Amino acid sequence: LAEIFWYVLPEYRKTRAGILLFKL
């Protein structure tokens, strides 16, 4: 599974949003 794009709004970068995306 190859990542093509990954983006989190700047104001949410130090939240759980990114790690939840990665875990899924």
PDB file of all heavy atoms in Angstrom:
ATOM      1  N   LEU A   1       0.872  -1.165   0.000  1.00  0.00           N
ATOM      2  CA  LEU A   1       0.000   0.000   0.000  1.00  0.00           C
ATOM      3  C   LEU A   1       0.915   1.222   0.000  1.00  0.00           C
ATOM      4  O   LEU A   1       1.648   1.451   0.958  1.00  0.00           O
ATOM      5  CB  LEU A   1      -0.908  -0.022   1.232  1.00  0.00           C
ATOM      6  CG  LEU A   1      -2.119   0.899   1.198  1.00  0.00           C
ATOM      7  CD1 LEU A   1      -3.022   0.577   0.006  1.00  0.00           C
ATOM      8  CD2 LEU A   1      -2.920   0.781   2.487  1.00  0.00           C
ATOM      9  N   ALA A   2       0.894   1.973  -1.090  1.00  0.00           N
ATOM     10  CA  ALA A   2       1.796   3.112  -1.252  1.00  0.00           C
ATOM     11  C   ALA A   2       1.049   4.421  -1.016  1.00  0.00           C
ATOM     12  O   ALA A   2       0.007   4.665  -1.617  1.00  0.00           O
ATOM     13  CB  ALA A   2       2.389   3.101  -2.654  1.00  0.00           C
ATOM     14  N   GLU A   3       1.608   5.247  -0.150  1.00  0.00           N
ATOM     15  CA  GLU A   3       1.030   6.569   0.124  1.00  0.00           C
ATOM     16  C   GLU A   3       1.224   7.467  -1.086  1.00  0.00           C
ATOM     17  O   GLU A   3       2.319   7.550  -1.643  1.00  0.00           O
ATOM     18  CB  GLU A   3       1.726   7.179   1.337  1.00  0.00           C
ATOM     19  CG  GLU A   3       1.380   8.615   1.568  1.00  0.00           C
ATOM     20  CD  GLU A   3       2.473   9.366   2.313  1.00  0.00           C
ATOM     21  OE1 GLU A   3       3.249   8.754   3.045  1.00  0.00           O
ATOM     22  OE2 GLU A   3       2.524  10.591   2.129  1.00  0.00           O
ATOM     23  N   ILE A   4       0.157   8.139  -1.495  1.00  0.00           N
ATOM     24  CA  ILE A   4       0.219   9.073  -2.616  1.00  0.00           C
ATOM     25  C   ILE A   4       0.122  10.512  -2.106  1.00  0.00           C
ATOM     26  O   ILE A   4       0.843  11.386  -2.554  1.00  0.00           O
ATOM     27  CB  ILE A   4      -0.926   8.803  -3.629  1.00  0.00           C
ATOM     28  CG1 ILE A   4      -0.891   7.361  -4.109  1.00  0.00           C
ATOM     29  CG2 ILE A   4      -0.867   9.784  -4.800  1.00  0.00           C
ATOM     30  CD1 ILE A   4       0.395   6.947  -4.782  1.00  0.00           C
ATOM     31  N   PHE A   5      -0.788  10.745  -1.180  1.00  0.00           N
ATOM     32  CA  PHE A   5      -0.896  12.073  -0.589  1.00  0.00           C
ATOM     33  C   PHE A   5      -1.303  11.937   0.866  1.00  0.00           C
ATOM     34  O   PHE A   5      -1.999  11.017   1.255  1.00  0.00           O
ATOM     35  CB  PHE A   5      -1.859  12.984  -1.361  1.00  0.00           C
ATOM     36  CG  PHE A   5      -3.229  12.394  -1.630  1.00  0.00           C
ATOM     37  CD1 PHE A   5      -4.259  12.530  -0.728  1.00  0.00           C
ATOM     38  CD2 PHE A   5      -3.472  11.716  -2.818  1.00  0.00           C
ATOM     39  CE1 PHE A   5      -5.508  11.992  -0.982  1.00  0.00           C
ATOM     40  CE2 PHE A   5      -4.726  11.177  -3.089  1.00  0.00           C
ATOM     41  CZ  PHE A   5      -5.746  11.311  -2.163  1.00  0.00           C
ATOM     42  N   TRP A   6      -0.804  12.877   1.669  1.00  0.00           N
ATOM     43  CA  TRP A   6      -1.098  12.885   3.099  1.00  0.00           C
ATOM     44  C   TRP A   6      -1.095  14.343   3.528  1.00  0.00           C
ATOM     45  O   TRP A   6      -0.097  15.040   3.367  1.00  0.00           O
ATOM     46  CB  TRP A   6      -0.029  12.102   3.843  1.00  0.00           C
ATOM     47  CG  TRP A   6      -0.323  11.873   5.292  1.00  0.00           C
ATOM     48  CD1 TRP A   6      -1.298  12.426   6.058  1.00  0.00           C
ATOM     49  CD2 TRP A   6       0.380  10.989   6.160  1.00  0.00           C
ATOM     50  NE1 TRP A   6      -1.246  11.951   7.342  1.00  0.00           N
ATOM     51  CE2 TRP A   6      -0.221  11.059   7.435  1.00  0.00           C
ATOM     52  CE3 TRP A   6       1.463  10.155   5.998  1.00  0.00           C
ATOM     53  CZ2 TRP A   6       0.220  10.335   8.522  1.00  0.00           C
ATOM     54  CZ3 TRP A   6       1.909   9.419   7.082  1.00  0.00           C
ATOM     55  CH2 TRP A   6       1.288   9.506   8.330  1.00  0.00           C
ATOM     56  N   TYR A   7      -2.222  14.782   4.060  1.00  0.00           N
ATOM     57  CA  TYR A   7      -2.330  16.177   4.472  1.00  0.00           C
ATOM     58  C   TYR A   7      -3.229  16.285   5.688  1.00  0.00           C
ATOM     59  O   TYR A   7      -4.309  15.698   5.733  1.00  0.00           O
ATOM     60  CB  TYR A   7      -2.918  17.041   3.340  1.00  0.00           C
ATOM     61  CG  TYR A   7      -3.024  18.497   3.707  1.00  0.00           C
ATOM     62  CD1 TYR A   7      -1.909  19.318   3.650  1.00  0.00           C
ATOM     63  CD2 TYR A   7      -4.224  19.046   4.125  1.00  0.00           C
ATOM     64  CE1 TYR A   7      -1.999  20.666   4.002  1.00  0.00           C
ATOM     65  CE2 TYR A   7      -4.319  20.388   4.478  1.00  0.00           C
ATOM     66  CZ  TYR A   7      -3.203  21.184   4.418  1.00  0.00           C
ATOM     67  OH  TYR A   7      -3.283  22.500   4.777  1.00  0.00           O
ATOM     68  N   VAL A   8      -2.777  17.049   6.673  1.00  0.00           N
ATOM     69  CA  VAL A   8      -3.573  17.390   7.855  1.00  0.00           C
ATOM     70  C   VAL A   8      -3.547  18.909   7.970  1.00  0.00           C
ATOM     71  O   VAL A   8      -2.483  19.532   7.839  1.00  0.00           O
ATOM     72  CB  VAL A   8      -3.009  16.725   9.134  1.00  0.00           C
ATOM     73  CG1 VAL A   8      -3.775  17.170  10.366  1.00  0.00           C
ATOM     74  CG2 VAL A   8      -3.034  15.200   9.011  1.00  0.00           C
ATOM     75  N   LEU A   9      -4.716  19.497   8.166  1.00  0.00           N
ATOM     76  CA  LEU A   9      -4.774  20.949   8.342  1.00  0.00           C
ATOM     77  C   LEU A   9      -3.783  21.371   9.428  1.00  0.00           C
ATOM     78  O   LEU A   9      -3.664  20.695  10.460  1.00  0.00           O
ATOM     79  CB  LEU A   9      -6.191  21.380   8.732  1.00  0.00           C
ATOM     80  CG  LEU A   9      -7.270  21.205   7.665  1.00  0.00           C
ATOM     81  CD1 LEU A   9      -8.663  21.449   8.271  1.00  0.00           C
ATOM     82  CD2 LEU A   9      -7.032  22.145   6.494  1.00  0.00           C
ATOM     83  N   PRO A  10      -3.052  22.459   9.217  1.00  0.00           N
ATOM     84  CA  PRO A  10      -2.013  22.868  10.173  1.00  0.00           C
ATOM     85  C   PRO A  10      -2.476  22.950  11.623  1.00  0.00           C
ATOM     86  O   PRO A  10      -1.756  22.537  12.532  1.00  0.00           O
ATOM     87  CB  PRO A  10      -1.576  24.242   9.655  1.00  0.00           C
ATOM     88  CG  PRO A  10      -1.859  24.187   8.194  1.00  0.00           C
ATOM     89  CD  PRO A  10      -3.114  23.354   8.063  1.00  0.00           C
ATOM     90  N   GLU A  11      -3.673  23.438  11.852  1.00  0.00           N
ATOM     91  CA  GLU A  11      -4.142  23.593  13.236  1.00  0.00           C
ATOM     92  C   GLU A  11      -4.467  22.264  13.922  1.00  0.00           C
ATOM     93  O   GLU A  11      -4.717  22.225  15.130  1.00  0.00           O
ATOM     94  CB  GLU A  11      -5.346  24.541  13.296  1.00  0.00           C
ATOM     95  CG  GLU A  11      -6.542  24.093  12.492  1.00  0.00           C
ATOM     96  CD  GLU A  11      -6.576  24.607  11.054  1.00  0.00           C
ATOM     97  OE1 GLU A  11      -5.508  24.828  10.450  1.00  0.00           O
ATOM     98  OE2 GLU A  11      -7.695  24.778  10.547  1.00  0.00           O
ATOM     99  N   TYR A  12      -4.413  21.157  13.180  1.00  0.00           N
ATOM    100  CA  TYR A  12      -4.704  19.833  13.746  1.00  0.00           C
ATOM    101  C   TYR A  12      -3.487  18.917  13.738  1.00  0.00           C
ATOM    102  O   TYR A  12      -3.601  17.729  14.004  1.00  0.00           O
ATOM    103  CB  TYR A  12      -5.860  19.173  12.982  1.00  0.00           C
ATOM    104  CG  TYR A  12      -7.156  19.888  13.200  1.00  0.00           C
ATOM    105  CD1 TYR A  12      -7.591  20.876  12.321  1.00  0.00           C
ATOM    106  CD2 TYR A  12      -7.947  19.611  14.314  1.00  0.00           C
ATOM    107  CE1 TYR A  12      -8.778  21.557  12.533  1.00  0.00           C
ATOM    108  CE2 TYR A  12      -9.131  20.288  14.537  1.00  0.00           C
ATOM    109  CZ  TYR A  12      -9.536  21.257  13.644  1.00  0.00           C
ATOM    110  OH  TYR A  12     -10.713  21.934  13.874  1.00  0.00           O
ATOM    111  N   ARG A  13      -2.319  19.445  13.466  1.00  0.00           N
ATOM    112  CA  ARG A  13      -1.124  18.606  13.335  1.00  0.00           C
ATOM    113  C   ARG A  13      -0.575  18.079  14.653  1.00  0.00           C
ATOM    114  O   ARG A  13       0.093  17.070  14.658  1.00  0.00           O
ATOM    115  CB  ARG A  13      -0.052  19.365  12.569  1.00  0.00           C
ATOM    116  CG  ARG A  13      -0.515  19.561  11.145  1.00  0.00           C
ATOM    117  CD  ARG A  13       0.563  19.940  10.232  1.00  0.00           C
ATOM    118  NE  ARG A  13      -0.010  20.080   8.893  1.00  0.00           N
ATOM    119  CZ  ARG A  13       0.478  20.833   7.973  1.00  0.00           C
ATOM    120  NH1 ARG A  13       1.581  21.511   8.195  1.00  0.00           N
ATOM    121  NH2 ARG A  13      -0.116  20.904   6.800  1.00  0.00           N
ATOM    122  N   LYS A  14      -0.873  18.715  15.733  1.00  0.00           N
ATOM    123  CA  LYS A  14      -0.384  18.213  17.022  1.00  0.00           C
ATOM    124  C   LYS A  14      -1.522  17.567  17.797  1.00  0.00           C
ATOM    125  O   LYS A  14      -1.577  17.635  19.019  1.00  0.00           O
ATOM    126  CB  LYS A  14       0.280  19.334  17.811  1.00  0.00           C
ATOM    127  CG  LYS A  14       1.561  19.788  17.139  1.00  0.00           C
ATOM    128  CD  LYS A  14       2.331  20.760  17.970  1.00  0.00           C
ATOM    129  CE  LYS A  14       3.589  21.141  17.208  1.00  0.00           C
ATOM    130  NZ  LYS A  14       4.499  21.945  17.982  1.00  0.00           N
ATOM    131  N   THR A  15      -2.423  16.922  17.036  1.00  0.00           N
ATOM    132  CA  THR A  15      -3.552  16.214  17.634  1.00  0.00           C
ATOM    133  C   THR A  15      -3.450  14.745  17.233  1.00  0.00           C
ATOM    134  O   THR A  15      -2.448  14.317  16.668  1.00  0.00           O
ATOM    135  CB  THR A  15      -4.896  16.790  17.117  1.00  0.00           C
ATOM    136  OG1 THR A  15      -5.035  16.474  15.724  1.00  0.00           O
ATOM    137  CG2 THR A  15      -4.971  18.304  17.317  1.00  0.00           C
ATOM    138  N   ARG A  16      -4.492  13.993  17.457  1.00  0.00           N
ATOM    139  CA  ARG A  16      -4.516  12.568  17.115  1.00  0.00           C
ATOM    140  C   ARG A  16      -4.825  12.306  15.641  1.00  0.00           C
ATOM    141  O   ARG A  16      -4.750  11.186  15.177  1.00  0.00           O
ATOM    142  CB  ARG A  16      -5.561  11.854  17.975  1.00  0.00           C
ATOM    143  CG  ARG A  16      -5.225  11.909  19.461  1.00  0.00           C
ATOM    144  CD  ARG A  16      -6.051  10.992  20.312  1.00  0.00           C
ATOM    145  NE  ARG A  16      -6.338   9.670  19.793  1.00  0.00           N
ATOM    146  CZ  ARG A  16      -5.467   8.656  19.697  1.00  0.00           C
ATOM    147  NH1 ARG A  16      -4.228   8.839  20.080  1.00  0.00           N
ATOM    148  NH2 ARG A  16      -5.846   7.484  19.232  1.00  0.00           N
ATOM    149  N   ALA A  17      -5.162  13.333  14.882  1.00  0.00           N
ATOM    150  CA  ALA A  17      -5.594  13.153  13.498  1.00  0.00           C
ATOM    151  C   ALA A  17      -4.570  12.389  12.655  1.00  0.00           C
ATOM    152  O   ALA A  17      -4.907  11.411  11.983  1.00  0.00           O
ATOM    153  CB  ALA A  17      -5.910  14.497  12.855  1.00  0.00           C
ATOM    154  N   GLY A  18      -3.331  12.817  12.671  1.00  0.00           N
ATOM    155  CA  GLY A  18      -2.299  12.172  11.861  1.00  0.00           C
ATOM    156  C   GLY A  18      -2.042  10.735  12.242  1.00  0.00           C
ATOM    157  O   GLY A  18      -1.930   9.856  11.380  1.00  0.00           O
ATOM    158  N   ILE A  19      -1.948  10.460  13.534  1.00  0.00           N
ATOM    159  CA  ILE A  19      -1.677   9.086  13.977  1.00  0.00           C
ATOM    160  C   ILE A  19      -2.856   8.176  13.683  1.00  0.00           C
ATOM    161  O   ILE A  19      -2.676   7.007  13.339  1.00  0.00           O
ATOM    162  CB  ILE A  19      -1.264   9.023  15.472  1.00  0.00           C
ATOM    163  CG1 ILE A  19      -0.715   7.641  15.827  1.00  0.00           C
ATOM    164  CG2 ILE A  19      -2.403   9.363  16.389  1.00  0.00           C
ATOM    165  CD1 ILE A  19       0.581   7.297  15.164  1.00  0.00           C
ATOM    166  N   LEU A  20      -4.068   8.693  13.776  1.00  0.00           N
ATOM    167  CA  LEU A  20      -5.229   7.873  13.436  1.00  0.00           C
ATOM    168  C   LEU A  20      -5.233   7.519  11.949  1.00  0.00           C
ATOM    169  O   LEU A  20      -5.563   6.386  11.575  1.00  0.00           O
ATOM    170  CB  LEU A  20      -6.520   8.584  13.824  1.00  0.00           C
ATOM    171  CG  LEU A  20      -6.780   8.715  15.324  1.00  0.00           C
ATOM    172  CD1 LEU A  20      -8.006   9.577  15.575  1.00  0.00           C
ATOM    173  CD2 LEU A  20      -6.933   7.348  15.978  1.00  0.00           C
ATOM    174  N   LEU A  21      -4.851   8.465  11.104  1.00  0.00           N
ATOM    175  CA  LEU A  21      -4.730   8.176   9.676  1.00  0.00           C
ATOM    176  C   LEU A  21      -3.675   7.103   9.436  1.00  0.00           C
ATOM    177  O   LEU A  21      -3.894   6.146   8.690  1.00  0.00           O
ATOM    178  CB  LEU A  21      -4.366   9.439   8.889  1.00  0.00           C
ATOM    179  CG  LEU A  21      -5.470  10.456   8.688  1.00  0.00           C
ATOM    180  CD1 LEU A  21      -4.899  11.750   8.123  1.00  0.00           C
ATOM    181  CD2 LEU A  21      -6.560   9.908   7.783  1.00  0.00           C
ATOM    182  N   PHE A  22      -2.526   7.259  10.088  1.00  0.00           N
ATOM    183  CA  PHE A  22      -1.456   6.280   9.894  1.00  0.00           C
ATOM    184  C   PHE A  22      -1.865   4.894  10.381  1.00  0.00           C
ATOM    185  O   PHE A  22      -1.588   3.894   9.721  1.00  0.00           O
ATOM    186  CB  PHE A  22      -0.162   6.708  10.595  1.00  0.00           C
ATOM    187  CG  PHE A  22       0.908   5.670  10.445  1.00  0.00           C
ATOM    188  CD1 PHE A  22       1.582   5.541   9.243  1.00  0.00           C
ATOM    189  CD2 PHE A  22       1.195   4.789  11.471  1.00  0.00           C
ATOM    190  CE1 PHE A  22       2.541   4.544   9.082  1.00  0.00           C
ATOM    191  CE2 PHE A  22       2.147   3.803  11.320  1.00  0.00           C
ATOM    192  CZ  PHE A  22       2.834   3.681  10.121  1.00  0.00           C
ATOM    193  N   LYS A  23      -2.520   4.814  11.527  1.00  0.00           N
ATOM    194  CA  LYS A  23      -2.938   3.513  12.048  1.00  0.00           C
ATOM    195  C   LYS A  23      -3.918   2.819  11.111  1.00  0.00           C
ATOM    196  O   LYS A  23      -3.840   1.604  10.897  1.00  0.00           O
ATOM    197  CB  LYS A  23      -3.556   3.669  13.439  1.00  0.00           C
ATOM    198  CG  LYS A  23      -2.521   3.913  14.518  1.00  0.00           C
ATOM    199  CD  LYS A  23      -3.178   4.000  15.885  1.00  0.00           C
ATOM    200  CE  LYS A  23      -2.119   4.169  16.961  1.00  0.00           C
ATOM    201  NZ  LYS A  23      -2.710   4.152  18.302  1.00  0.00           N
ATOM    202  N   LEU A  24      -4.844   3.563  10.529  1.00  0.00           N
ATOM    203  CA  LEU A  24      -5.792   2.986   9.584  1.00  0.00           C
ATOM    204  C   LEU A  24      -5.077   2.544   8.306  1.00  0.00           C
ATOM    205  O   LEU A  24      -5.337   1.466   7.771  1.00  0.00           O
ATOM    206  CB  LEU A  24      -6.907   3.987   9.278  1.00  0.00           C
ATOM    207  CG  LEU A  24      -8.054   3.505   8.415  1.00  0.00           C
ATOM    208  CD1 LEU A  24      -8.672   2.196   8.940  1.00  0.00           C
ATOM    209  CD2 LEU A  24      -9.122   4.578   8.318  1.00  0.00           C
TER     210      LEU A  24
END
